[in-house]
Amino acid sequence: MRFDNISGCLRTPVGGSSRQILMVVEGESVRSRLLSVREAARLMGLPDSYWLPARYNDGYHVMGDAVVVAVVSWLEKHLLRPLCKWYWYSKLDPSTADLIS
């Protein structure tokens, strides 16, 4: 259980810590439930129209150990592409490497 507002990774259903359990607190009542496959898909950025397998474990195999496309796209645009641009320009003319942002 975490209390730092940071989510762990979604895991496939074949591992020791693969079941994603949510704690629901309502007043003084506390209960737990499994994260649904649809909720996992939403966390991964998939639309509700995305087809998911009917069986719980099969659905988790689709979602678990994957990457969020929107996060990878942001990293590519704001980190990887500028680094590659800087690298190639510095190879062409090392004196301009500091000028590239």
Protein backbone atom coordinates (compact mmCIF):
# COMPACT_ATOMS: atom_id res chain seq x y z
CA MET A 1 0.00 0.00 0.00
CA ARG A 2 1.33 3.45 -0.89
CA PHE A 3 0.49 6.78 0.69
CA ASP A 4 2.71 9.01 -1.46
CA ASN A 5 0.21 9.65 -4.29
CA ILE A 6 2.46 7.80 -6.74
CA SER A 7 1.00 4.95 -8.73
CA GLY A 8 2.91 1.73 -9.18
CA CYS A 9 3.22 0.15 -12.61
CA LEU A 10 0.53 -2.07 -14.07
CA ARG A 11 1.79 -5.64 -14.17
CA THR A 12 0.72 -8.66 -16.15
CA PRO A 13 -1.21 -11.25 -14.10
CA VAL A 14 1.78 -13.61 -13.84
CA GLY A 15 3.82 -12.30 -10.98
CA GLY A 16 3.90 -11.88 -7.25
CA SER A 17 2.58 -8.31 -7.21
CA SER A 18 0.49 -8.39 -10.35
CA ARG A 19 -2.97 -7.81 -8.91
CA GLN A 20 -3.82 -4.11 -8.74
CA ILE A 21 -5.89 -3.58 -5.61
CA LEU A 22 -7.65 -0.33 -4.79
CA MET A 23 -8.55 0.68 -1.25
CA VAL A 24 -11.90 2.45 -1.10
CA VAL A 25 -12.46 4.62 1.97
CA GLU A 26 -15.96 5.91 2.58
CA GLY A 27 -16.27 7.53 5.99
CA GLU A 28 -15.17 4.90 8.47
CA SER A 29 -15.74 2.06 6.04
CA VAL A 30 -12.69 0.64 4.24
CA ARG A 31 -12.89 -2.03 1.56
CA SER A 32 -10.67 -3.29 -1.21
CA ARG A 33 -11.37 -4.21 -4.80
CA LEU A 34 -9.42 -5.17 -7.89
CA LEU A 35 -8.75 -2.54 -10.51
CA SER A 36 -10.89 -3.45 -13.52
CA VAL A 37 -9.33 -4.11 -16.89
CA ARG A 38 -11.23 -1.10 -18.28
CA GLU A 39 -9.76 1.12 -15.54
CA ALA A 40 -6.30 -0.17 -16.41
CA ALA A 41 -6.95 0.62 -20.08
CA ARG A 42 -7.97 4.16 -19.16
CA LEU A 43 -4.77 4.59 -17.15
CA MET A 44 -2.86 3.53 -20.25
CA GLY A 45 -4.63 6.22 -22.28
CA LEU A 46 -6.90 3.95 -24.31
CA PRO A 47 -10.40 5.12 -25.22
CA ASP A 48 -13.44 3.32 -23.84
CA SER A 49 -14.15 2.12 -27.39
CA TYR A 50 -10.95 0.03 -27.36
CA TRP A 51 -11.83 -3.67 -27.47
CA LEU A 52 -10.68 -5.66 -24.43
CA PRO A 53 -10.74 -9.42 -23.84
CA ALA A 54 -13.64 -10.65 -21.71
CA ARG A 55 -11.47 -12.61 -19.26
CA TYR A 56 -9.76 -10.62 -16.50
CA ASN A 57 -6.30 -12.19 -16.91
CA ASP A 58 -6.40 -11.86 -20.69
CA GLY A 59 -7.26 -8.18 -20.37
CA TYR A 60 -4.41 -7.64 -17.95
CA HIS A 61 -2.01 -9.27 -20.39
CA VAL A 62 -3.00 -6.53 -22.86
CA MET A 63 -2.41 -3.72 -20.32
CA GLY A 64 0.33 -5.01 -18.05
CA ASP A 65 4.00 -4.12 -18.55
CA ALA A 66 3.10 -1.76 -21.40
CA VAL A 67 3.89 1.91 -21.94
CA VAL A 68 1.50 4.85 -22.17
CA VAL A 69 1.61 6.17 -25.75
CA ALA A 70 0.96 9.77 -24.69
CA VAL A 71 3.90 9.69 -22.26
CA VAL A 72 6.27 8.18 -24.81
CA SER A 73 5.14 10.75 -27.41
CA TRP A 74 5.84 13.60 -24.99
CA LEU A 75 9.28 12.21 -24.15
CA GLU A 76 10.12 11.86 -27.83
CA LYS A 77 9.05 15.41 -28.62
CA HIS A 78 10.53 17.19 -25.61
CA LEU A 79 13.58 15.06 -24.79
CA LEU A 80 14.67 12.59 -27.46
CA ARG A 81 14.15 14.74 -30.56
CA PRO A 82 15.99 17.78 -29.08
CA LEU A 83 18.84 15.52 -27.93
CA CYS A 84 19.16 13.96 -31.38
CA LYS A 85 19.02 17.39 -33.02
CA TRP A 86 21.73 18.67 -30.68
CA TYR A 87 23.86 15.56 -31.30
CA TRP A 88 23.70 15.76 -35.10
CA TYR A 89 24.27 19.52 -35.26
CA SER A 90 27.24 19.22 -32.91
CA LYS A 91 28.72 16.58 -35.23
CA LEU A 92 28.30 18.86 -38.26
CA ASP A 93 29.67 21.98 -36.58
CA PRO A 94 30.85 21.56 -32.98
CA SER A 95 30.98 25.33 -32.48
CA THR A 96 27.17 25.54 -32.82
CA ALA A 97 26.32 22.83 -30.29
CA ASP A 98 25.74 25.38 -27.52
CA LEU A 99 23.44 27.47 -29.72
CA ILE A 100 20.91 24.73 -30.37
CA SER A 101 17.92 24.54 -28.06
